[in-house]
Amino acid sequence: MKKTILLISLSLSILSLMAQKPTIYHPEANATADIEAALQKAKAEHKYVLLQGGGNWCKWCIEFHSVCTTDKHLDSLINENFVWYHLNYSKENKNLDILKQYDYPQRFGFPVFIILNENGERIHTQNSEYLEDGDKSYDKKKVAEFLKAWSPSALDPKRYEK
């Protein structure tokens, strides 16, 4: 009997853990202050800021985060070139003032990616649809190309001088 109860408890615990959704977005966050801090860090580290707009409700948002954090190459590209911030958009907090500041990127759906240079200027907005693999995830090669194309080194004028 004890073994049965233990087995049932263990099974329920495992199911409970599996049912928990990842929390990468924080509706309660002060996004304006967080983005300012990300910009300060980016400037100090000579990086850009990668804003990922979306919410914990968005399976594609969670999938992008999962793909990028579990793939060593993508994780490295992000960490070497960007300060990554997850800009919340949910019924609790849509951050509409911030999205307005970046010319309404939510028009592309979610997730949407906004690249800011170290001075806080928006230099690119990316519709995530173009990074998908056509099935249920993201194409790692397309994601890597996107990250490389909008990295600080790719936009360094010295790279293109003769």
C-alpha atoms as a PDB file:
ATOM      1  CA  MET A   1       0.000   0.000   0.000  1.00  0.00           C
ATOM      2  CA  LYS A   2       2.815   2.412   0.886  1.00  0.00           C
ATOM      3  CA  LYS A   3       4.498   1.699  -2.439  1.00  0.00           C
ATOM      4  CA  THR A   4       1.274   2.455  -4.313  1.00  0.00           C
ATOM      5  CA  ILE A   5       0.796   5.768  -2.520  1.00  0.00           C
ATOM      6  CA  LEU A   6       4.437   6.675  -3.085  1.00  0.00           C
ATOM      7  CA  LEU A   7       4.157   5.809  -6.775  1.00  0.00           C
ATOM      8  CA  ILE A   8       0.985   7.870  -7.171  1.00  0.00           C
ATOM      9  CA  SER A   9       2.575  10.839  -5.352  1.00  0.00           C
ATOM     10  CA  LEU A  10       5.676  10.647  -7.486  1.00  0.00           C
ATOM     11  CA  SER A  11       3.613  10.437 -10.689  1.00  0.00           C
ATOM     12  CA  LEU A  12       1.513  13.444  -9.684  1.00  0.00           C
ATOM     13  CA  SER A  13       4.633  15.440  -8.847  1.00  0.00           C
ATOM     14  CA  ILE A  14       6.170  14.665 -12.224  1.00  0.00           C
ATOM     15  CA  LEU A  15       2.939  15.572 -14.037  1.00  0.00           C
ATOM     16  CA  SER A  16       2.742  18.816 -12.094  1.00  0.00           C
ATOM     17  CA  LEU A  17       6.291  19.772 -13.085  1.00  0.00           C
ATOM     18  CA  MET A  18       5.622  18.919 -16.708  1.00  0.00           C
ATOM     19  CA  ALA A  19       2.451  21.045 -16.735  1.00  0.00           C
ATOM     20  CA  GLN A  20       4.200  24.177 -15.479  1.00  0.00           C
ATOM     21  CA  LYS A  21       4.716  26.732 -18.199  1.00  0.00           C
ATOM     22  CA  PRO A  22       8.055  28.502 -18.442  1.00  0.00           C
ATOM     23  CA  THR A  23       8.031  32.082 -17.229  1.00  0.00           C
ATOM     24  CA  ILE A  24      10.331  34.127 -19.391  1.00  0.00           C
ATOM     25  CA  TYR A  25       8.122  37.233 -19.538  1.00  0.00           C
ATOM     26  CA  HIS A  26       7.264  39.279 -16.470  1.00  0.00           C
ATOM     27  CA  PRO A  27       4.051  41.334 -16.709  1.00  0.00           C
ATOM     28  CA  GLU A  28       4.857  43.061 -13.417  1.00  0.00           C
ATOM     29  CA  ALA A  29       8.233  44.323 -14.662  1.00  0.00           C
ATOM     30  CA  ASN A  30       8.963  47.979 -15.298  1.00  0.00           C
ATOM     31  CA  ALA A  31       9.945  47.464 -18.928  1.00  0.00           C
ATOM     32  CA  THR A  32      11.075  51.063 -19.396  1.00  0.00           C
ATOM     33  CA  ALA A  33      13.587  50.742 -16.545  1.00  0.00           C
ATOM     34  CA  ASP A  34      14.616  47.245 -17.642  1.00  0.00           C
ATOM     35  CA  ILE A  35      15.267  48.356 -21.213  1.00  0.00           C
ATOM     36  CA  GLU A  36      17.289  51.320 -19.954  1.00  0.00           C
ATOM     37  CA  ALA A  37      19.382  48.934 -17.840  1.00  0.00           C
ATOM     38  CA  ALA A  38      19.803  46.628 -20.850  1.00  0.00           C
ATOM     39  CA  LEU A  39      20.979  49.595 -22.934  1.00  0.00           C
ATOM     40  CA  GLN A  40      23.513  50.601 -20.286  1.00  0.00           C
ATOM     41  CA  LYS A  41      24.831  47.054 -20.150  1.00  0.00           C
ATOM     42  CA  ALA A  42      24.936  46.839 -23.956  1.00  0.00           C
ATOM     43  CA  LYS A  43      26.867  50.085 -24.206  1.00  0.00           C
ATOM     44  CA  ALA A  44      29.393  48.957 -21.588  1.00  0.00           C
ATOM     45  CA  GLU A  45      29.845  45.596 -23.337  1.00  0.00           C
ATOM     46  CA  HIS A  46      29.712  46.933 -26.937  1.00  0.00           C
ATOM     47  CA  LYS A  47      26.612  44.906 -27.739  1.00  0.00           C
ATOM     48  CA  TYR A  48      23.125  45.554 -29.074  1.00  0.00           C
ATOM     49  CA  VAL A  49      19.840  44.929 -27.306  1.00  0.00           C
ATOM     50  CA  LEU A  50      17.577  42.171 -28.592  1.00  0.00           C
ATOM     51  CA  LEU A  51      14.017  42.827 -27.471  1.00  0.00           C
ATOM     52  CA  GLN A  52      11.789  39.793 -27.840  1.00  0.00           C
ATOM     53  CA  GLY A  53       8.191  40.963 -27.637  1.00  0.00           C
ATOM     54  CA  GLY A  54       5.618  38.389 -26.586  1.00  0.00           C
ATOM     55  CA  GLY A  55       4.225  36.661 -23.547  1.00  0.00           C
ATOM     56  CA  ASN A  56       4.166  33.494 -21.530  1.00  0.00           C
ATOM     57  CA  TRP A  57       0.880  32.672 -23.279  1.00  0.00           C
ATOM     58  CA  CYS A  58       2.658  32.466 -26.668  1.00  0.00           C
ATOM     59  CA  LYS A  59       3.942  28.986 -27.558  1.00  0.00           C
ATOM     60  CA  TRP A  60       6.123  30.396 -30.365  1.00  0.00           C
ATOM     61  CA  CYS A  61       7.710  32.851 -27.907  1.00  0.00           C
ATOM     62  CA  ILE A  62       8.542  30.035 -25.510  1.00  0.00           C
ATOM     63  CA  GLU A  63       9.778  27.867 -28.395  1.00  0.00           C
ATOM     64  CA  PHE A  64      12.173  30.568 -29.635  1.00  0.00           C
ATOM     65  CA  HIS A  65      13.595  30.995 -26.148  1.00  0.00           C
ATOM     66  CA  SER A  66      13.968  27.234 -25.780  1.00  0.00           C
ATOM     67  CA  VAL A  67      15.661  26.783 -29.168  1.00  0.00           C
ATOM     68  CA  CYS A  68      18.115  29.601 -28.509  1.00  0.00           C
ATOM     69  CA  THR A  69      19.020  28.596 -24.974  1.00  0.00           C
ATOM     70  CA  THR A  70      19.445  24.881 -25.691  1.00  0.00           C
ATOM     71  CA  ASP A  71      21.477  25.262 -28.895  1.00  0.00           C
ATOM     72  CA  LYS A  72      25.079  26.124 -27.958  1.00  0.00           C
ATOM     73  CA  HIS A  73      25.766  28.018 -31.190  1.00  0.00           C
ATOM     74  CA  LEU A  74      22.653  30.204 -30.965  1.00  0.00           C
ATOM     75  CA  ASP A  75      23.119  30.775 -27.241  1.00  0.00           C
ATOM     76  CA  SER A  76      26.691  31.853 -27.912  1.00  0.00           C
ATOM     77  CA  LEU A  77      25.669  34.218 -30.734  1.00  0.00           C
ATOM     78  CA  ILE A  78      23.135  35.905 -28.478  1.00  0.00           C
ATOM     79  CA  ASN A  79      25.440  36.180 -25.471  1.00  0.00           C
ATOM     80  CA  GLU A  80      28.364  37.509 -27.529  1.00  0.00           C
ATOM     81  CA  ASN A  81      26.362  40.139 -29.403  1.00  0.00           C
ATOM     82  CA  PHE A  82      23.222  41.079 -27.505  1.00  0.00           C
ATOM     83  CA  VAL A  83      21.633  41.868 -24.211  1.00  0.00           C
ATOM     84  CA  TRP A  84      18.394  39.869 -24.520  1.00  0.00           C
ATOM     85  CA  TYR A  85      15.236  41.258 -22.950  1.00  0.00           C
ATOM     86  CA  HIS A  86      11.777  39.690 -23.051  1.00  0.00           C
ATOM     87  CA  LEU A  87       9.296  42.541 -23.468  1.00  0.00           C
ATOM     88  CA  ASN A  88       5.948  41.419 -22.058  1.00  0.00           C
ATOM     89  CA  TYR A  89       2.711  41.700 -24.010  1.00  0.00           C
ATOM     90  CA  SER A  90      -0.222  40.159 -22.168  1.00  0.00           C
ATOM     91  CA  LYS A  91      -3.651  41.031 -20.843  1.00  0.00           C
ATOM     92  CA  GLU A  92      -1.955  42.036 -17.563  1.00  0.00           C
ATOM     93  CA  ASN A  93       0.468  44.442 -19.224  1.00  0.00           C
ATOM     94  CA  LYS A  94       0.650  45.175 -22.934  1.00  0.00           C
ATOM     95  CA  ASN A  95       3.458  47.758 -22.684  1.00  0.00           C
ATOM     96  CA  LEU A  96       1.703  49.783 -25.380  1.00  0.00           C
ATOM     97  CA  ASP A  97       3.739  52.948 -24.758  1.00  0.00           C
ATOM     98  CA  ILE A  98       6.953  51.059 -25.398  1.00  0.00           C
ATOM     99  CA  LEU A  99       5.597  49.309 -28.474  1.00  0.00           C
ATOM    100  CA  LYS A 100       4.408  52.682 -29.820  1.00  0.00           C
ATOM    101  CA  GLN A 101       7.943  54.014 -29.336  1.00  0.00           C
ATOM    102  CA  TYR A 102       9.195  51.251 -31.654  1.00  0.00           C
ATOM    103  CA  ASP A 103       6.510  51.870 -34.312  1.00  0.00           C
ATOM    104  CA  TYR A 104       4.020  49.172 -33.316  1.00  0.00           C
ATOM    105  CA  PRO A 105       5.997  45.967 -33.913  1.00  0.00           C
ATOM    106  CA  GLN A 106       3.058  43.905 -32.635  1.00  0.00           C
ATOM    107  CA  ARG A 107       1.620  44.282 -36.141  1.00  0.00           C
ATOM    108  CA  PHE A 108       3.853  41.321 -37.052  1.00  0.00           C
ATOM    109  CA  GLY A 109       2.431  39.063 -34.349  1.00  0.00           C
ATOM    110  CA  PHE A 110       4.448  37.399 -31.633  1.00  0.00           C
ATOM    111  CA  PRO A 111       7.177  36.874 -30.976  1.00  0.00           C
ATOM    112  CA  VAL A 112       8.545  39.952 -32.636  1.00  0.00           C
ATOM    113  CA  PHE A 113      12.183  40.989 -32.418  1.00  0.00           C
ATOM    114  CA  ILE A 114      13.403  44.559 -32.099  1.00  0.00           C
ATOM    115  CA  ILE A 115      17.117  45.297 -32.361  1.00  0.00           C
ATOM    116  CA  LEU A 116      18.391  48.421 -30.625  1.00  0.00           C
ATOM    117  CA  ASN A 117      21.907  49.708 -31.087  1.00  0.00           C
ATOM    118  CA  GLU A 118      23.909  50.675 -28.013  1.00  0.00           C
ATOM    119  CA  ASN A 119      22.425  54.191 -28.203  1.00  0.00           C
ATOM    120  CA  GLY A 120      18.878  52.840 -27.978  1.00  0.00           C
ATOM    121  CA  GLU A 121      18.009  53.485 -31.614  1.00  0.00           C
ATOM    122  CA  ARG A 122      15.819  50.871 -33.257  1.00  0.00           C
ATOM    123  CA  ILE A 123      17.770  49.525 -36.200  1.00  0.00           C
ATOM    124  CA  HIS A 124      15.590  46.553 -37.125  1.00  0.00           C
ATOM    125  CA  THR A 125      12.265  44.876 -36.457  1.00  0.00           C
ATOM    126  CA  GLN A 126      11.991  41.195 -37.373  1.00  0.00           C
ATOM    127  CA  ASN A 127       8.839  39.209 -38.009  1.00  0.00           C
ATOM    128  CA  SER A 128       9.530  35.807 -36.443  1.00  0.00           C
ATOM    129  CA  GLU A 129       7.567  34.002 -39.157  1.00  0.00           C
ATOM    130  CA  TYR A 130      10.609  34.251 -41.431  1.00  0.00           C
ATOM    131  CA  LEU A 131      12.691  32.327 -38.905  1.00  0.00           C
ATOM    132  CA  GLU A 132      10.347  29.357 -38.612  1.00  0.00           C
ATOM    133  CA  ASP A 133      11.163  25.910 -39.960  1.00  0.00           C
ATOM    134  CA  GLY A 134       7.755  25.394 -41.576  1.00  0.00           C
ATOM    135  CA  ASP A 135       6.718  22.896 -38.944  1.00  0.00           C
ATOM    136  CA  LYS A 136       6.579  23.525 -35.205  1.00  0.00           C
ATOM    137  CA  SER A 137       9.843  25.261 -34.388  1.00  0.00           C
ATOM    138  CA  TYR A 138      12.524  27.594 -35.669  1.00  0.00           C
ATOM    139  CA  ASP A 139      15.134  26.954 -38.320  1.00  0.00           C
ATOM    140  CA  LYS A 140      18.436  27.232 -36.458  1.00  0.00           C
ATOM    141  CA  LYS A 141      20.300  28.302 -39.590  1.00  0.00           C
ATOM    142  CA  LYS A 142      17.824  31.141 -40.243  1.00  0.00           C
ATOM    143  CA  VAL A 143      18.011  32.255 -36.619  1.00  0.00           C
ATOM    144  CA  ALA A 144      21.814  32.245 -36.722  1.00  0.00           C
ATOM    145  CA  GLU A 145      21.815  34.271 -39.961  1.00  0.00           C
ATOM    146  CA  PHE A 146      19.409  36.794 -38.413  1.00  0.00           C
ATOM    147  CA  LEU A 147      21.551  37.166 -35.289  1.00  0.00           C
ATOM    148  CA  LYS A 148      24.768  37.516 -37.306  1.00  0.00           C
ATOM    149  CA  ALA A 149      23.246  40.004 -39.765  1.00  0.00           C
ATOM    150  CA  TRP A 150      22.177  42.352 -36.955  1.00  0.00           C
ATOM    151  CA  SER A 151      25.197  41.978 -34.689  1.00  0.00           C
ATOM    152  CA  PRO A 152      27.424  44.953 -33.879  1.00  0.00           C
ATOM    153  CA  SER A 153      30.280  43.544 -35.970  1.00  0.00           C
ATOM    154  CA  ALA A 154      28.029  43.125 -39.022  1.00  0.00           C
ATOM    155  CA  LEU A 155      27.086  46.802 -38.839  1.00  0.00           C
ATOM    156  CA  ASP A 156      30.578  48.107 -38.099  1.00  0.00           C
ATOM    157  CA  PRO A 157      31.487  50.528 -40.938  1.00  0.00           C
ATOM    158  CA  LYS A 158      35.181  49.570 -40.647  1.00  0.00           C
ATOM    159  CA  ARG A 159      34.261  46.126 -41.884  1.00  0.00           C
ATOM    160  CA  TYR A 160      33.241  47.570 -45.240  1.00  0.00           C
ATOM    161  CA  GLU A 161      36.034  50.082 -45.813  1.00  0.00           C
ATOM    162  CA  LYS A 162      38.661  49.315 -48.402  1.00  0.00           C
END
